[in-house]
Amino acid sequence: MDILNLYNELQAYLLIAALLFGFGLYGIIKNRSLIGILISAELVLCAASVNFMAFNRFLAPDPVVGQIFALFIMGLAAAEAAIILSIVIAVYRNYKSIDPEEPVELAG
């Protein structure tokens, strides 16, 4: 395989990961809904997973390492989604809204 083709293929994966990361970061900053923020955080984690898989495919000698990291990120994303959705449900029960700026008081 030619090194120039290898670089071009890796560059395509990195561009996809950068776009996913950019969209996710923009969504985290600009979203007014907790569900939208959760989806945007999932996009950021997906971008990290694409990066691990791309670098593993093109640069690492052992093909299992990147796949293990991607599976770890999937598990982390699932745990994050479960925790944040339970927080969203608790906030909705107390404030009848999922706007992240609505709960201004901290109850102990």
C-alpha atoms as a PDB file:
ATOM      1  CA  MET A   1       0.000   0.000   0.000  1.00  0.00           C
ATOM      2  CA  ASP A   2       1.345   3.387  -0.950  1.00  0.00           C
ATOM      3  CA  ILE A   3       2.078   5.745   1.954  1.00  0.00           C
ATOM      4  CA  LEU A   4       0.250   8.611   0.197  1.00  0.00           C
ATOM      5  CA  ASN A   5      -2.943   6.554  -0.081  1.00  0.00           C
ATOM      6  CA  LEU A   6      -2.589   5.578   3.561  1.00  0.00           C
ATOM      7  CA  TYR A   7      -2.335   9.230   4.577  1.00  0.00           C
ATOM      8  CA  ASN A   8      -5.330  10.220   2.453  1.00  0.00           C
ATOM      9  CA  GLU A   9      -7.508   7.481   3.917  1.00  0.00           C
ATOM     10  CA  LEU A  10      -6.502   8.378   7.474  1.00  0.00           C
ATOM     11  CA  GLN A  11      -7.167  12.020   6.710  1.00  0.00           C
ATOM     12  CA  ALA A  12     -10.739  11.190   5.664  1.00  0.00           C
ATOM     13  CA  TYR A  13     -11.423   9.439   8.976  1.00  0.00           C
ATOM     14  CA  LEU A  14      -9.893  12.314  10.908  1.00  0.00           C
ATOM     15  CA  LEU A  15     -12.056  14.788   8.992  1.00  0.00           C
ATOM     16  CA  ILE A  16     -15.175  12.794   9.871  1.00  0.00           C
ATOM     17  CA  ALA A  17     -14.127  12.662  13.528  1.00  0.00           C
ATOM     18  CA  ALA A  18     -13.400  16.406  13.556  1.00  0.00           C
ATOM     19  CA  LEU A  19     -16.825  17.150  12.075  1.00  0.00           C
ATOM     20  CA  LEU A  20     -18.540  14.928  14.646  1.00  0.00           C
ATOM     21  CA  PHE A  21     -16.584  16.591  17.438  1.00  0.00           C
ATOM     22  CA  GLY A  22     -17.388  20.067  16.128  1.00  0.00           C
ATOM     23  CA  PHE A  23     -21.108  19.347  15.830  1.00  0.00           C
ATOM     24  CA  GLY A  24     -21.141  17.820  19.298  1.00  0.00           C
ATOM     25  CA  LEU A  25     -19.285  20.723  20.878  1.00  0.00           C
ATOM     26  CA  TYR A  26     -21.564  23.238  19.148  1.00  0.00           C
ATOM     27  CA  GLY A  27     -24.598  21.327  20.400  1.00  0.00           C
ATOM     28  CA  ILE A  28     -23.287  21.243  23.967  1.00  0.00           C
ATOM     29  CA  ILE A  29     -22.676  24.995  23.928  1.00  0.00           C
ATOM     30  CA  LYS A  30     -25.859  26.109  22.128  1.00  0.00           C
ATOM     31  CA  ASN A  31     -28.522  23.638  23.266  1.00  0.00           C
ATOM     32  CA  ARG A  32     -31.254  24.715  25.657  1.00  0.00           C
ATOM     33  CA  SER A  33     -32.481  21.195  26.377  1.00  0.00           C
ATOM     34  CA  LEU A  34     -30.856  18.573  28.564  1.00  0.00           C
ATOM     35  CA  ILE A  35     -31.727  15.876  26.033  1.00  0.00           C
ATOM     36  CA  GLY A  36     -30.014  17.875  23.270  1.00  0.00           C
ATOM     37  CA  ILE A  37     -26.936  18.282  25.435  1.00  0.00           C
ATOM     38  CA  LEU A  38     -26.911  14.512  26.025  1.00  0.00           C
ATOM     39  CA  ILE A  39     -27.111  13.790  22.299  1.00  0.00           C
ATOM     40  CA  SER A  40     -24.304  16.273  21.644  1.00  0.00           C
ATOM     41  CA  ALA A  41     -22.120  14.627  24.287  1.00  0.00           C
ATOM     42  CA  GLU A  42     -22.744  11.296  22.563  1.00  0.00           C
ATOM     43  CA  LEU A  43     -21.498  12.844  19.304  1.00  0.00           C
ATOM     44  CA  VAL A  44     -18.276  13.905  21.034  1.00  0.00           C
ATOM     45  CA  LEU A  45     -17.766  10.378  22.358  1.00  0.00           C
ATOM     46  CA  CYS A  46     -18.483   8.969  18.901  1.00  0.00           C
ATOM     47  CA  ALA A  47     -15.795  11.257  17.460  1.00  0.00           C
ATOM     48  CA  ALA A  48     -13.305   9.946  20.002  1.00  0.00           C
ATOM     49  CA  SER A  49     -14.241   6.388  19.079  1.00  0.00           C
ATOM     50  CA  VAL A  50     -13.749   7.089  15.363  1.00  0.00           C
ATOM     51  CA  ASN A  51     -10.314   8.548  16.147  1.00  0.00           C
ATOM     52  CA  PHE A  52      -9.281   5.472  18.132  1.00  0.00           C
ATOM     53  CA  MET A  53     -10.450   3.131  15.390  1.00  0.00           C
ATOM     54  CA  ALA A  54      -8.782   5.140  12.608  1.00  0.00           C
ATOM     55  CA  PHE A  55      -5.423   5.405  14.334  1.00  0.00           C
ATOM     56  CA  ASN A  56      -5.633   1.740  15.267  1.00  0.00           C
ATOM     57  CA  ARG A  57      -6.372   0.740  11.676  1.00  0.00           C
ATOM     58  CA  PHE A  58      -3.588   2.741  10.070  1.00  0.00           C
ATOM     59  CA  LEU A  59      -0.830   3.184  12.646  1.00  0.00           C
ATOM     60  CA  ALA A  60      -0.960   0.526  15.368  1.00  0.00           C
ATOM     61  CA  PRO A  61       0.549  -2.927  14.874  1.00  0.00           C
ATOM     62  CA  ASP A  62      -1.987  -4.636  17.178  1.00  0.00           C
ATOM     63  CA  PRO A  63      -5.529  -4.370  15.777  1.00  0.00           C
ATOM     64  CA  VAL A  64      -7.266  -5.211  19.047  1.00  0.00           C
ATOM     65  CA  VAL A  65      -6.248  -2.148  21.070  1.00  0.00           C
ATOM     66  CA  GLY A  66      -8.343   0.409  19.169  1.00  0.00           C
ATOM     67  CA  GLN A  67     -11.340  -1.900  19.167  1.00  0.00           C
ATOM     68  CA  ILE A  68     -11.079  -2.362  22.934  1.00  0.00           C
ATOM     69  CA  PHE A  69     -10.958   1.404  23.407  1.00  0.00           C
ATOM     70  CA  ALA A  70     -13.996   1.808  21.136  1.00  0.00           C
ATOM     71  CA  LEU A  71     -15.933  -0.789  23.163  1.00  0.00           C
ATOM     72  CA  PHE A  72     -14.901   0.974  26.373  1.00  0.00           C
ATOM     73  CA  ILE A  73     -16.177   4.274  24.964  1.00  0.00           C
ATOM     74  CA  MET A  74     -19.486   2.600  24.023  1.00  0.00           C
ATOM     75  CA  GLY A  75     -19.891   1.335  27.582  1.00  0.00           C
ATOM     76  CA  LEU A  76     -18.989   4.737  28.965  1.00  0.00           C
ATOM     77  CA  ALA A  77     -21.537   6.387  26.667  1.00  0.00           C
ATOM     78  CA  ALA A  78     -24.260   3.967  27.759  1.00  0.00           C
ATOM     79  CA  ALA A  79     -23.523   4.591  31.437  1.00  0.00           C
ATOM     80  CA  GLU A  80     -23.442   8.347  30.842  1.00  0.00           C
ATOM     81  CA  ALA A  81     -26.776   8.221  29.027  1.00  0.00           C
ATOM     82  CA  ALA A  82     -28.409   6.245  31.844  1.00  0.00           C
ATOM     83  CA  ILE A  83     -27.146   8.615  34.540  1.00  0.00           C
ATOM     84  CA  ILE A  84     -28.033  11.792  32.674  1.00  0.00           C
ATOM     85  CA  LEU A  85     -31.485  10.517  31.714  1.00  0.00           C
ATOM     86  CA  SER A  86     -32.203   9.719  35.371  1.00  0.00           C
ATOM     87  CA  ILE A  87     -31.094  13.253  36.292  1.00  0.00           C
ATOM     88  CA  VAL A  88     -33.339  14.678  33.550  1.00  0.00           C
ATOM     89  CA  ILE A  89     -36.304  12.717  34.906  1.00  0.00           C
ATOM     90  CA  ALA A  90     -35.614  13.973  38.446  1.00  0.00           C
ATOM     91  CA  VAL A  91     -35.318  17.587  37.246  1.00  0.00           C
ATOM     92  CA  TYR A  92     -38.537  17.266  35.246  1.00  0.00           C
ATOM     93  CA  ARG A  93     -40.421  15.895  38.255  1.00  0.00           C
ATOM     94  CA  ASN A  94     -39.320  18.825  40.424  1.00  0.00           C
ATOM     95  CA  TYR A  95     -39.434  21.733  37.954  1.00  0.00           C
ATOM     96  CA  LYS A  96     -41.807  20.498  35.194  1.00  0.00           C
ATOM     97  CA  SER A  97     -39.202  21.565  32.617  1.00  0.00           C
ATOM     98  CA  ILE A  98     -36.010  20.153  31.108  1.00  0.00           C
ATOM     99  CA  ASP A  99     -34.465  23.572  30.486  1.00  0.00           C
ATOM    100  CA  PRO A 100     -30.938  23.422  31.998  1.00  0.00           C
ATOM    101  CA  GLU A 101     -31.256  26.974  33.358  1.00  0.00           C
ATOM    102  CA  GLU A 102     -34.531  26.306  35.193  1.00  0.00           C
ATOM    103  CA  PRO A 103     -33.238  24.656  38.407  1.00  0.00           C
ATOM    104  CA  VAL A 104     -31.480  27.578  40.107  1.00  0.00           C
ATOM    105  CA  GLU A 105     -31.702  26.400  43.702  1.00  0.00           C
ATOM    106  CA  LEU A 106     -29.761  23.558  45.229  1.00  0.00           C
ATOM    107  CA  ALA A 107     -31.731  21.452  47.656  1.00  0.00           C
ATOM    108  CA  GLY A 108     -29.883  19.394  50.223  1.00  0.00           C
END
